[in-house]
Amino acid sequence: MKEFEILEHTADIGMAAYGKNKREVFINTARGMFEIIAGENKNLKDNFYDKIKLEADNLEG
């Protein structure tokens, strides 16, 4: 089963993601979005993590 497909249009771009369950669909959606933004890269690690700390005075921050 393919993970996702890019749907191109003259004025826009879209993506369809696939998976056996919600978790797989969510992961494949992220992979597809990353490919749209950064281009195709088959050397990505599935278990890459990075910590991000955000601070704000309120939720609208």
N, C-alpha and C. Protein backbone atom coordinates (compact mmCIF):
# COMPACT_ATOMS: atom_id res chain seq x y z
N MET A 1 0.85 -1.17 0.00
CA MET A 1 0.00 0.00 0.00
C MET A 1 0.89 1.24 0.00
N LYS A 2 0.56 2.21 -0.85
CA LYS A 2 1.35 3.44 -0.85
C LYS A 2 1.01 4.28 0.37
N GLU A 3 1.98 5.06 0.83
CA GLU A 3 1.80 5.87 2.04
C GLU A 3 0.96 7.11 1.76
N PHE A 4 1.24 7.78 0.64
CA PHE A 4 0.52 9.00 0.29
C PHE A 4 0.74 9.29 -1.19
N GLU A 5 -0.07 10.19 -1.72
CA GLU A 5 0.15 10.67 -3.08
C GLU A 5 -0.09 12.17 -3.11
N ILE A 6 0.72 12.85 -3.91
CA ILE A 6 0.62 14.29 -4.07
C ILE A 6 -0.37 14.55 -5.21
N LEU A 7 -1.34 15.42 -4.96
CA LEU A 7 -2.35 15.76 -5.95
C LEU A 7 -2.08 17.19 -6.41
N GLU A 8 -1.56 17.34 -7.61
CA GLU A 8 -1.20 18.67 -8.12
C GLU A 8 -2.36 19.27 -8.89
N HIS A 9 -2.43 20.59 -8.85
CA HIS A 9 -3.46 21.35 -9.54
C HIS A 9 -2.81 22.64 -10.01
N THR A 10 -3.37 23.27 -11.01
CA THR A 10 -2.78 24.49 -11.57
C THR A 10 -2.51 25.55 -10.50
N ALA A 11 -3.46 25.77 -9.61
CA ALA A 11 -3.32 26.85 -8.63
C ALA A 11 -3.14 26.36 -7.20
N ASP A 12 -3.02 25.06 -7.01
CA ASP A 12 -2.99 24.55 -5.64
C ASP A 12 -2.24 23.21 -5.61
N ILE A 13 -2.13 22.64 -4.43
CA ILE A 13 -1.54 21.31 -4.28
C ILE A 13 -2.31 20.60 -3.17
N GLY A 14 -2.44 19.32 -3.28
CA GLY A 14 -3.13 18.55 -2.26
C GLY A 14 -2.42 17.23 -2.04
N MET A 15 -2.95 16.46 -1.11
CA MET A 15 -2.32 15.20 -0.77
C MET A 15 -3.39 14.25 -0.24
N ALA A 16 -3.25 12.99 -0.56
CA ALA A 16 -4.09 11.94 0.01
C ALA A 16 -3.17 10.99 0.75
N ALA A 17 -3.50 10.68 2.00
CA ALA A 17 -2.67 9.77 2.81
C ALA A 17 -3.45 8.49 3.07
N TYR A 18 -2.72 7.39 3.19
CA TYR A 18 -3.33 6.07 3.38
C TYR A 18 -2.68 5.35 4.55
N GLY A 19 -3.40 4.40 5.12
CA GLY A 19 -2.85 3.58 6.20
C GLY A 19 -3.86 2.55 6.65
N LYS A 20 -3.38 1.56 7.41
CA LYS A 20 -4.25 0.49 7.92
C LYS A 20 -5.06 0.93 9.12
N ASN A 21 -4.62 2.03 9.77
CA ASN A 21 -5.33 2.54 10.94
C ASN A 21 -5.08 4.05 11.04
N LYS A 22 -5.70 4.70 12.02
CA LYS A 22 -5.57 6.15 12.15
C LYS A 22 -4.12 6.57 12.37
N ARG A 23 -3.39 5.79 13.14
CA ARG A 23 -1.98 6.12 13.43
C ARG A 23 -1.16 6.16 12.15
N GLU A 24 -1.31 5.14 11.30
CA GLU A 24 -0.57 5.10 10.04
C GLU A 24 -0.97 6.25 9.12
N VAL A 25 -2.25 6.56 9.07
CA VAL A 25 -2.70 7.67 8.23
C VAL A 25 -2.09 8.98 8.73
N PHE A 26 -2.06 9.18 10.04
CA PHE A 26 -1.48 10.39 10.62
C PHE A 26 0.01 10.49 10.28
N ILE A 27 0.75 9.40 10.45
CA ILE A 27 2.18 9.38 10.14
C ILE A 27 2.42 9.65 8.66
N ASN A 28 1.65 9.01 7.80
CA ASN A 28 1.83 9.19 6.36
C ASN A 28 1.41 10.58 5.91
N THR A 29 0.45 11.18 6.61
CA THR A 29 0.09 12.57 6.32
C THR A 29 1.27 13.49 6.62
N ALA A 30 1.93 13.27 7.75
CA ALA A 30 3.10 14.08 8.09
C ALA A 30 4.21 13.89 7.06
N ARG A 31 4.43 12.68 6.61
CA ARG A 31 5.46 12.42 5.59
C ARG A 31 5.12 13.14 4.29
N GLY A 32 3.86 13.09 3.90
CA GLY A 32 3.44 13.77 2.68
C GLY A 32 3.58 15.27 2.78
N MET A 33 3.19 15.83 3.92
CA MET A 33 3.32 17.28 4.12
C MET A 33 4.79 17.68 4.07
N PHE A 34 5.65 16.88 4.68
CA PHE A 34 7.08 17.18 4.67
C PHE A 34 7.63 17.16 3.25
N GLU A 35 7.19 16.18 2.46
CA GLU A 35 7.66 16.11 1.07
C GLU A 35 7.20 17.33 0.28
N ILE A 36 5.97 17.78 0.52
CA ILE A 36 5.48 18.98 -0.17
C ILE A 36 6.34 20.18 0.19
N ILE A 37 6.68 20.31 1.46
CA ILE A 37 7.43 21.48 1.94
C ILE A 37 8.91 21.39 1.57
N ALA A 38 9.53 20.24 1.79
CA ALA A 38 10.99 20.13 1.68
C ALA A 38 11.47 19.38 0.45
N GLY A 39 10.58 18.74 -0.28
CA GLY A 39 11.00 17.94 -1.42
C GLY A 39 11.21 16.49 -1.01
N GLU A 40 11.35 15.63 -1.99
CA GLU A 40 11.49 14.20 -1.72
C GLU A 40 12.83 13.90 -1.07
N ASN A 41 12.78 13.15 0.02
CA ASN A 41 14.00 12.76 0.73
C ASN A 41 13.78 11.39 1.34
N LYS A 42 14.40 10.38 0.79
CA LYS A 42 14.23 9.01 1.27
C LYS A 42 15.15 8.67 2.43
N ASN A 43 15.98 9.62 2.89
CA ASN A 43 16.93 9.35 3.96
C ASN A 43 16.43 9.81 5.32
N LEU A 44 15.15 10.03 5.47
CA LEU A 44 14.60 10.47 6.75
C LEU A 44 14.53 9.31 7.73
N LYS A 45 14.81 9.58 8.98
CA LYS A 45 14.71 8.56 10.02
C LYS A 45 13.30 8.59 10.60
N ASP A 46 12.71 7.43 10.79
CA ASP A 46 11.36 7.34 11.35
C ASP A 46 11.31 7.73 12.82
N ASN A 47 12.41 7.64 13.51
CA ASN A 47 12.41 7.89 14.94
C ASN A 47 13.21 9.13 15.31
N PHE A 48 13.12 10.16 14.51
CA PHE A 48 13.80 11.43 14.80
C PHE A 48 12.93 12.24 15.75
N TYR A 49 13.51 12.68 16.85
CA TYR A 49 12.78 13.49 17.82
C TYR A 49 13.61 14.72 18.16
N ASP A 50 12.94 15.79 18.43
CA ASP A 50 13.61 17.01 18.87
C ASP A 50 12.69 17.68 19.88
N LYS A 51 13.27 18.30 20.87
CA LYS A 51 12.47 18.98 21.89
C LYS A 51 12.30 20.43 21.50
N ILE A 52 11.09 20.92 21.66
CA ILE A 52 10.77 22.32 21.39
C ILE A 52 10.12 22.88 22.63
N LYS A 53 10.59 24.03 23.08
CA LYS A 53 10.02 24.67 24.25
C LYS A 53 9.42 26.00 23.82
N LEU A 54 8.14 26.19 24.12
CA LEU A 54 7.44 27.42 23.79
C LEU A 54 6.99 28.09 25.07
N GLU A 55 7.09 29.40 25.10
CA GLU A 55 6.61 30.15 26.25
C GLU A 55 5.78 31.33 25.76
N ALA A 56 4.71 31.63 26.49
CA ALA A 56 3.87 32.78 26.17
C ALA A 56 3.10 33.18 27.42
N ASP A 57 2.65 34.41 27.45
CA ASP A 57 1.87 34.89 28.59
C ASP A 57 0.45 34.33 28.59
N ASN A 58 -0.04 33.93 27.41
CA ASN A 58 -1.38 33.37 27.30
C ASN A 58 -1.42 32.39 26.12
N LEU A 59 -2.56 31.75 25.91
CA LEU A 59 -2.66 30.75 24.85
C LEU A 59 -2.59 31.36 23.45
N GLU A 60 -2.88 32.65 23.32
CA GLU A 60 -2.85 33.30 22.02
C GLU A 60 -1.44 33.74 21.65
N GLY A 61 -0.55 33.78 22.61
CA GLY A 61 0.81 34.13 22.62
C GLY A 61 1.54 34.64 21.50
